[in-house]
PDB file of N, CA and C in Angstrom:
ATOM      1  N   MET A   1      26.290 -48.579  18.851  1.00  0.00           N
ATOM      2  CA  MET A   1      25.303 -48.515  18.622  1.00  0.00           C
ATOM      3  C   MET A   1      26.214 -47.438  16.787  1.00  0.00           C
ATOM      4  N   SER A   2      26.576 -48.315  15.518  1.00  0.00           N
ATOM      5  CA  SER A   2      26.960 -47.016  14.185  1.00  0.00           C
ATOM      6  C   SER A   2      25.688 -46.457  13.659  1.00  0.00           C
ATOM      7  N   PHE A   3      26.325 -45.537  13.091  1.00  0.00           N
ATOM      8  CA  PHE A   3      25.328 -44.997  12.282  1.00  0.00           C
ATOM      9  C   PHE A   3      24.549 -46.100  11.417  1.00  0.00           C
ATOM     10  N   LYS A   4      25.283 -46.734  11.010  1.00  0.00           N
ATOM     11  CA  LYS A   4      24.624 -47.679   9.931  1.00  0.00           C
ATOM     12  C   LYS A   4      23.902 -48.673  10.355  1.00  0.00           C
ATOM     13  N   GLU A   5      24.113 -49.175  11.535  1.00  0.00           N
ATOM     14  CA  GLU A   5      22.301 -49.972  12.723  1.00  0.00           C
ATOM     15  C   GLU A   5      21.671 -48.655  12.982  1.00  0.00           C
ATOM     16  N   ILE A   6      21.749 -47.889  13.063  1.00  0.00           N
ATOM     17  CA  ILE A   6      20.649 -46.859  13.548  1.00  0.00           C
ATOM     18  C   ILE A   6      19.779 -46.451  11.644  1.00  0.00           C
ATOM     19  N   PHE A   7      20.957 -46.303  10.864  1.00  0.00           N
ATOM     20  CA  PHE A   7      19.762 -46.361   9.471  1.00  0.00           C
ATOM     21  C   PHE A   7      19.507 -47.293   8.758  1.00  0.00           C
ATOM     22  N   LYS A   8      19.686 -48.402   9.022  1.00  0.00           N
ATOM     23  CA  LYS A   8      18.839 -50.098   9.123  1.00  0.00           C
ATOM     24  C   LYS A   8      17.758 -49.994   9.733  1.00  0.00           C
ATOM     25  N   LYS A   9      17.748 -49.139  11.047  1.00  0.00           N
ATOM     26  CA  LYS A   9      16.577 -49.817  11.819  1.00  0.00           C
ATOM     27  C   LYS A   9      15.577 -48.976  11.755  1.00  0.00           C
ATOM     28  N   SER A  10      16.058 -47.215  11.145  1.00  0.00           N
ATOM     29  CA  SER A  10      14.704 -46.025  10.633  1.00  0.00           C
ATOM     30  C   SER A  10      14.558 -46.336   9.308  1.00  0.00           C
ATOM     31  N   ARG A  11      15.328 -47.321   8.524  1.00  0.00           N
ATOM     32  CA  ARG A  11      15.068 -47.695   6.962  1.00  0.00           C
ATOM     33  C   ARG A  11      13.573 -48.074   7.279  1.00  0.00           C
ATOM     34  N   LEU A  12      13.291 -49.033   7.991  1.00  0.00           N
ATOM     35  CA  LEU A  12      11.515 -49.498   8.492  1.00  0.00           C
ATOM     36  C   LEU A  12      10.533 -48.489   8.303  1.00  0.00           C
ATOM     37  N   ILE A  13      10.915 -47.228   9.064  1.00  0.00           N
ATOM     38  CA  ILE A  13      10.068 -46.352   9.338  1.00  0.00           C
ATOM     39  C   ILE A  13       9.587 -45.627   8.115  1.00  0.00           C
ATOM     40  N   LEU A  14      11.132 -45.078   7.477  1.00  0.00           N
ATOM     41  CA  LEU A  14      11.109 -44.232   5.936  1.00  0.00           C
ATOM     42  C   LEU A  14      10.642 -45.332   4.974  1.00  0.00           C
ATOM     43  N   PRO A  15       9.946 -44.743   4.138  1.00  0.00           N
ATOM     44  CA  PRO A  15       9.460 -45.183   3.060  1.00  0.00           C
ATOM     45  C   PRO A  15      10.119 -45.223   1.456  1.00  0.00           C
ATOM     46  N   TYR A  16      11.568 -45.950   1.803  1.00  0.00           N
ATOM     47  CA  TYR A  16      12.525 -45.890   0.886  1.00  0.00           C
ATOM     48  C   TYR A  16      12.262 -47.340  -0.047  1.00  0.00           C
ATOM     49  N   THR A  17      12.393 -47.151  -1.800  1.00  0.00           N
ATOM     50  CA  THR A  17      12.779 -48.088  -2.962  1.00  0.00           C
ATOM     51  C   THR A  17      14.286 -48.803  -1.854  1.00  0.00           C
ATOM     52  N   GLU A  18      14.306 -50.128  -2.740  1.00  0.00           N
ATOM     53  CA  GLU A  18      15.327 -50.876  -2.352  1.00  0.00           C
ATOM     54  C   GLU A  18      16.731 -50.032  -3.077  1.00  0.00           C
ATOM     55  N   ASP A  19      16.641 -49.507  -4.323  1.00  0.00           N
ATOM     56  CA  ASP A  19      17.320 -48.979  -5.296  1.00  0.00           C
ATOM     57  C   ASP A  19      17.380 -47.240  -4.431  1.00  0.00           C
ATOM     58  N   GLU A  20      16.715 -46.644  -4.056  1.00  0.00           N
ATOM     59  CA  GLU A  20      17.093 -45.138  -2.878  1.00  0.00           C
ATOM     60  C   GLU A  20      17.937 -45.757  -1.891  1.00  0.00           C
ATOM     61  N   ILE A  21      17.821 -46.875  -1.239  1.00  0.00           N
ATOM     62  CA  ILE A  21      18.298 -47.390   0.164  1.00  0.00           C
ATOM     63  C   ILE A  21      20.033 -48.047  -0.467  1.00  0.00           C
ATOM     64  N   ARG A  22      19.920 -48.543  -1.690  1.00  0.00           N
ATOM     65  CA  ARG A  22      21.296 -48.813  -1.357  1.00  0.00           C
ATOM     66  C   ARG A  22      22.700 -48.180  -1.916  1.00  0.00           C
ATOM     67  N   LYS A  23      21.742 -46.672  -2.869  1.00  0.00           N
ATOM     68  CA  LYS A  23      22.211 -45.374  -3.221  1.00  0.00           C
ATOM     69  C   LYS A  23      22.194 -44.455  -1.333  1.00  0.00           C
ATOM     70  N   GLU A  24      21.511 -44.856  -0.651  1.00  0.00           N
ATOM     71  CA  GLU A  24      22.002 -44.094   0.278  1.00  0.00           C
ATOM     72  C   GLU A  24      23.518 -44.844   1.322  1.00  0.00           C
ATOM     73  N   GLU A  25      23.395 -45.753   1.025  1.00  0.00           N
ATOM     74  CA  GLU A  25      24.043 -47.126   1.731  1.00  0.00           C
ATOM     75  C   GLU A  25      25.810 -47.028   1.342  1.00  0.00           C
ATOM     76  N   ARG A  26      25.751 -46.742   0.019  1.00  0.00           N
ATOM     77  CA  ARG A  26      26.510 -46.083  -0.951  1.00  0.00           C
ATOM     78  C   ARG A  26      27.180 -45.040  -0.211  1.00  0.00           C
ATOM     79  N   ILE A  27      26.208 -44.271  -0.164  1.00  0.00           N
ATOM     80  CA  ILE A  27      27.135 -42.448   0.350  1.00  0.00           C
ATOM     81  C   ILE A  27      27.721 -42.328   2.043  1.00  0.00           C
ATOM     82  N   ILE A  28      26.796 -43.198   3.050  1.00  0.00           N
ATOM     83  CA  ILE A  28      26.744 -43.515   3.898  1.00  0.00           C
ATOM     84  C   ILE A  28      28.555 -44.355   4.177  1.00  0.00           C
ATOM     85  N   ASP A  29      28.597 -45.596   3.391  1.00  0.00           N
ATOM     86  CA  ASP A  29      29.934 -46.276   3.553  1.00  0.00           C
ATOM     87  C   ASP A  29      30.990 -44.810   2.411  1.00  0.00           C
ATOM     88  N   PHE A  30      31.018 -44.003   1.585  1.00  0.00           N
ATOM     89  CA  PHE A  30      32.065 -43.304   1.372  1.00  0.00           C
ATOM     90  C   PHE A  30      32.191 -42.331   2.475  1.00  0.00           C
ATOM     91  N   ALA A  31      30.868 -41.373   2.791  1.00  0.00           N
ATOM     92  CA  ALA A  31      31.451 -40.440   4.152  1.00  0.00           C
ATOM     93  C   ALA A  31      32.158 -41.140   5.487  1.00  0.00           C
ATOM     94  N   TYR A  32      31.523 -42.592   5.789  1.00  0.00           N
ATOM     95  CA  TYR A  32      32.541 -43.252   6.435  1.00  0.00           C
ATOM     96  C   TYR A  32      33.822 -43.540   6.269  1.00  0.00           C
ATOM     97  N   PHE A  33      34.256 -43.575   4.742  1.00  0.00           N
ATOM     98  CA  PHE A  33      35.942 -44.064   4.689  1.00  0.00           C
ATOM     99  C   PHE A  33      36.345 -42.679   4.258  1.00  0.00           C
ATOM    100  N   MET A  34      35.531 -40.905   4.037  1.00  0.00           N
ATOM    101  CA  MET A  34      36.504 -40.069   3.794  1.00  0.00           C
ATOM    102  C   MET A  34      36.876 -39.268   4.922  1.00  0.00           C
ATOM    103  N   TYR A  35      36.230 -40.132   6.254  1.00  0.00           N
ATOM    104  CA  TYR A  35      35.517 -39.308   7.279  1.00  0.00           C
ATOM    105  C   TYR A  35      37.426 -38.828   8.028  1.00  0.00           C
ATOM    106  N   PRO A  36      38.287 -40.037   8.098  1.00  0.00           N
ATOM    107  CA  PRO A  36      39.335 -39.557   8.784  1.00  0.00           C
ATOM    108  C   PRO A  36      40.250 -38.353   7.945  1.00  0.00           C
ATOM    109  N   TYR A  37      39.636 -38.844   6.226  1.00  0.00           N
ATOM    110  CA  TYR A  37      40.595 -37.342   5.490  1.00  0.00           C
ATOM    111  C   TYR A  37      40.160 -36.299   6.115  1.00  0.00           C
ATOM    112  N   ILE A  38      39.183 -36.056   5.929  1.00  0.00           N
ATOM    113  CA  ILE A  38      38.408 -34.706   5.971  1.00  0.00           C
ATOM    114  C   ILE A  38      38.507 -34.286   7.085  1.00  0.00           C
ATOM    115  N   ASN A  39      38.873 -34.858   8.085  1.00  0.00           N
ATOM    116  CA  ASN A  39      39.435 -34.856   9.272  1.00  0.00           C
ATOM    117  C   ASN A  39      40.793 -33.624   9.357  1.00  0.00           C
ATOM    118  N   ARG A  40      41.508 -34.958   8.819  1.00  0.00           N
ATOM    119  CA  ARG A  40      43.080 -34.499   8.301  1.00  0.00           C
ATOM    120  C   ARG A  40      43.053 -32.659   7.973  1.00  0.00           C
ATOM    121  N   PHE A  41      42.152 -32.619   6.772  1.00  0.00           N
ATOM    122  CA  PHE A  41      42.535 -32.062   6.173  1.00  0.00           C
ATOM    123  C   PHE A  41      41.635 -30.358   7.154  1.00  0.00           C
ATOM    124  N   ASN A  42      41.049 -30.924   7.714  1.00  0.00           N
ATOM    125  CA  ASN A  42      40.021 -30.113   8.932  1.00  0.00           C
ATOM    126  C   ASN A  42      41.093 -29.219   9.277  1.00  0.00           C
ATOM    127  N   GLN A  43      42.319 -29.875   9.946  1.00  0.00           N
ATOM    128  CA  GLN A  43      43.280 -30.120  10.945  1.00  0.00           C
ATOM    129  C   GLN A  43      44.817 -28.860  10.306  1.00  0.00           C
ATOM    130  N   ALA A  44      44.739 -29.544   9.081  1.00  0.00           N
ATOM    131  CA  ALA A  44      45.811 -28.279   7.975  1.00  0.00           C
ATOM    132  C   ALA A  44      45.306 -27.607   7.817  1.00  0.00           C
ATOM    133  N   GLY A  45      43.612 -27.029   7.812  1.00  0.00           N
ATOM    134  CA  GLY A  45      43.262 -25.938   7.742  1.00  0.00           C
ATOM    135  C   GLY A  45      43.293 -25.959   5.990  1.00  0.00           C
ATOM    136  N   ILE A  46      42.728 -27.275   5.204  1.00  0.00           N
ATOM    137  CA  ILE A  46      42.983 -27.091   3.889  1.00  0.00           C
ATOM    138  C   ILE A  46      41.177 -27.472   3.496  1.00  0.00           C
ATOM    139  N   TYR A  47      40.523 -27.920   4.221  1.00  0.00           N
ATOM    140  CA  TYR A  47      39.211 -27.914   4.025  1.00  0.00           C
ATOM    141  C   TYR A  47      38.404 -27.412   4.535  1.00  0.00           C
TER     142      TYR A  47
END
């Protein structure tokens, strides 16, 4: 189960407005996109 699926399930519990959900999803998408790069920086000792 991906983080996004967990987030979508937890969304039902959390009292979020649609705007906040979309903002949150954009942050999650960005984190997903950046993760391999951040990992690479970590290994190189840059980040």
